[in-house]
Amino acid sequence: MHNHVNINKRGLSPLIASVLLIAFTVALFLIISNFVRKEVVETSLEEGGKQVSKTLDCLSTKLKIVSACHTLDTAVIVSFDNDGDVILKGYSVRVLGTDGAFTEQITGNVNPLERKKYQKTGITGVTGINKVEVYPVVESGICQSSLVSKENIATC
């Protein structure tokens, strides 16, 4: 009978070792997953949230070029309306020619339903002006997908 009790005690040691090993593994998993969640997932969610916010702002922008003309390839006059729902923080104008391009970013609020007139004289490095693009600028940056353009610009 004494042998029977001894056998039970020997079987208990591997069981305790297994439970401790499982507990250690779970604790290590929790520590690593908490670190990964904080460093990787939360950072990714923040960046994703900023991108979604910018995309939504850009989807709410809507520009319409009313008129555009150039004078002797050295000046450009563009009038456009902000037909969107968002107050723009500015706009970027890109003048394209047969040779070269010129880009200028203008800061300052453009309210919904407001008309802006952009005039630039003394443009250098662009010959044969034939296209003008206007990009809305929101709080989070330039909305490249919301550009409006006018080709075959007439002479003023």
Protein backbone atom coordinates (compact mmCIF):
# COMPACT_ATOMS: atom_id res chain seq x y z
CA MET A 1 0.00 0.00 0.00
CA HIS A 2 2.82 2.32 0.67
CA ASN A 3 3.95 1.93 -2.98
CA HIS A 4 0.55 3.04 -4.24
CA VAL A 5 0.83 6.45 -2.50
CA ASN A 6 4.33 6.90 -3.87
CA ILE A 7 3.13 6.42 -7.44
CA ASN A 8 0.48 9.15 -7.05
CA LYS A 9 3.10 11.63 -5.84
CA ARG A 10 5.29 10.95 -8.86
CA GLY A 11 2.37 11.64 -11.23
CA LEU A 12 1.68 14.97 -9.59
CA SER A 13 5.07 16.54 -10.45
CA PRO A 14 4.68 16.42 -14.28
CA LEU A 15 1.14 17.78 -13.90
CA ILE A 16 2.37 20.80 -11.91
CA ALA A 17 5.18 21.34 -14.42
CA SER A 18 2.67 21.29 -17.30
CA VAL A 19 0.36 23.78 -15.56
CA LEU A 20 3.28 26.10 -14.79
CA LEU A 21 4.52 25.84 -18.39
CA ILE A 22 1.05 26.70 -19.75
CA ALA A 23 0.70 29.61 -17.29
CA PHE A 24 4.13 30.94 -18.28
CA THR A 25 3.24 30.66 -21.99
CA VAL A 26 -0.08 32.50 -21.52
CA ALA A 27 1.60 35.25 -19.49
CA LEU A 28 4.32 35.67 -22.12
CA PHE A 29 1.66 35.78 -24.87
CA LEU A 30 -0.29 38.48 -23.01
CA ILE A 31 2.81 40.61 -22.49
CA ILE A 32 3.86 40.36 -26.14
CA SER A 33 0.35 40.92 -27.51
CA ASN A 34 -0.09 44.00 -25.29
CA PHE A 35 3.20 45.43 -26.58
CA VAL A 36 2.31 44.68 -30.22
CA ARG A 37 -1.18 46.18 -29.83
CA LYS A 38 0.17 49.41 -28.39
CA GLU A 39 3.09 49.85 -30.77
CA VAL A 40 1.71 48.53 -34.04
CA VAL A 41 -2.06 48.41 -34.03
CA GLU A 42 -2.78 51.71 -32.27
CA THR A 43 -0.22 53.55 -34.44
CA SER A 44 -1.75 52.04 -37.57
CA LEU A 45 -5.25 52.97 -36.44
CA GLU A 46 -4.18 56.57 -35.83
CA GLU A 47 -2.60 56.85 -39.28
CA GLY A 48 -5.61 55.15 -40.86
CA GLY A 49 -7.96 57.54 -39.07
CA LYS A 50 -6.04 60.55 -40.36
CA GLN A 51 -6.16 59.15 -43.90
CA VAL A 52 -9.91 58.52 -43.67
CA SER A 53 -10.45 62.04 -42.33
CA LYS A 54 -8.48 63.56 -45.21
CA THR A 55 -10.34 61.42 -47.74
CA LEU A 56 -13.70 62.49 -46.34
CA ASP A 57 -12.66 66.16 -46.39
CA CYS A 58 -11.44 65.78 -49.96
CA LEU A 59 -14.68 64.11 -51.02
CA SER A 60 -16.57 67.15 -49.69
CA THR A 61 -14.54 69.55 -51.85
CA LYS A 62 -15.78 70.64 -55.24
CA LEU A 63 -14.16 73.34 -57.33
CA LYS A 64 -15.39 74.73 -60.61
CA ILE A 65 -13.24 76.84 -62.93
CA VAL A 66 -15.33 79.76 -64.18
CA SER A 67 -12.73 81.27 -66.49
CA ALA A 68 -9.05 80.95 -67.35
CA CYS A 69 -6.82 82.83 -69.76
CA HIS A 70 -3.17 83.76 -70.29
CA THR A 71 -1.33 86.75 -71.70
CA LEU A 72 1.67 86.18 -73.94
CA ASP A 73 2.70 83.08 -71.95
CA THR A 74 3.84 85.19 -68.98
CA ALA A 75 0.63 85.73 -66.99
CA VAL A 76 -2.35 83.60 -66.02
CA ILE A 77 -5.76 84.64 -64.70
CA VAL A 78 -8.04 81.96 -63.26
CA SER A 79 -11.41 82.40 -61.55
CA PHE A 80 -12.96 79.46 -59.71
CA ASP A 81 -15.83 78.75 -57.32
CA ASN A 82 -15.78 76.64 -54.17
CA ASP A 83 -18.99 74.65 -54.72
CA GLY A 84 -18.19 72.15 -51.94
CA ASP A 85 -19.26 71.93 -48.30
CA VAL A 86 -15.81 72.45 -46.79
CA ILE A 87 -13.95 75.65 -45.95
CA LEU A 88 -10.70 75.29 -47.87
CA LYS A 89 -7.46 76.25 -46.15
CA GLY A 90 -6.08 77.33 -49.52
CA TYR A 91 -5.55 76.10 -53.04
CA SER A 92 -2.76 75.15 -55.37
CA VAL A 93 -2.58 76.30 -58.99
CA ARG A 94 -0.53 74.46 -61.58
CA VAL A 95 0.13 76.04 -64.98
CA LEU A 96 1.21 73.62 -67.70
CA GLY A 97 2.69 74.47 -71.07
CA THR A 98 4.11 72.67 -74.04
CA ASP A 99 7.41 73.06 -72.24
CA GLY A 100 7.56 73.28 -68.45
CA ALA A 101 5.17 73.73 -65.54
CA PHE A 102 4.68 76.22 -62.74
CA THR A 103 3.01 75.49 -59.39
CA GLU A 104 2.07 77.87 -56.61
CA GLN A 105 0.23 77.18 -53.37
CA ILE A 106 -1.92 79.94 -51.90
CA THR A 107 -2.96 79.87 -48.24
CA GLY A 108 -6.06 81.49 -46.84
CA ASN A 109 -9.62 80.34 -46.30
CA VAL A 110 -11.95 79.86 -49.24
CA ASN A 111 -15.51 79.59 -47.93
CA PRO A 112 -18.21 77.47 -49.56
CA LEU A 113 -19.89 79.27 -52.48
CA GLU A 114 -17.04 81.79 -52.61
CA ARG A 115 -15.39 82.82 -55.89
CA LYS A 116 -11.62 83.33 -55.98
CA LYS A 117 -9.54 85.01 -58.64
CA TYR A 118 -5.93 83.91 -59.05
CA GLN A 119 -3.64 86.10 -61.09
CA LYS A 120 0.05 85.47 -61.61
CA THR A 121 2.31 87.59 -63.77
CA GLY A 122 5.93 86.99 -64.70
CA ILE A 123 5.72 83.21 -64.97
CA THR A 124 9.08 81.89 -66.10
CA GLY A 125 10.07 78.44 -67.29
CA VAL A 126 6.74 77.72 -69.01
CA THR A 127 6.21 78.21 -72.73
CA GLY A 128 3.03 77.60 -74.69
CA ILE A 129 0.60 77.70 -71.73
CA ASN A 130 -2.25 75.34 -72.57
CA LYS A 131 -3.63 73.96 -69.29
CA VAL A 132 -4.42 75.16 -65.78
CA GLU A 133 -5.17 72.89 -62.79
CA VAL A 134 -6.56 73.99 -59.42
CA TYR A 135 -6.22 71.71 -56.38
CA PRO A 136 -8.19 72.29 -53.15
CA VAL A 137 -6.18 72.33 -49.91
CA VAL A 138 -7.87 71.16 -46.70
CA GLU A 139 -6.59 71.00 -43.10
CA SER A 140 -4.79 67.71 -43.75
CA GLY A 141 -3.20 68.62 -47.09
CA ILE A 142 -3.70 68.89 -50.85
CA CYS A 143 -6.60 66.93 -52.35
CA GLN A 144 -4.93 65.68 -55.52
CA SER A 145 -7.96 63.59 -56.48
CA SER A 146 -10.28 66.63 -56.39
CA LEU A 147 -8.47 68.77 -58.95
CA VAL A 148 -10.27 70.72 -61.65
CA SER A 149 -8.57 71.64 -64.90
CA LYS A 150 -9.14 73.69 -68.00
CA GLU A 151 -7.36 72.97 -71.26
CA ASN A 152 -6.85 75.04 -74.40
CA ILE A 153 -6.54 78.27 -72.44
CA ALA A 154 -7.49 81.32 -74.48
CA THR A 155 -5.48 84.52 -74.66
CA CYS A 156 -6.82 87.36 -72.48
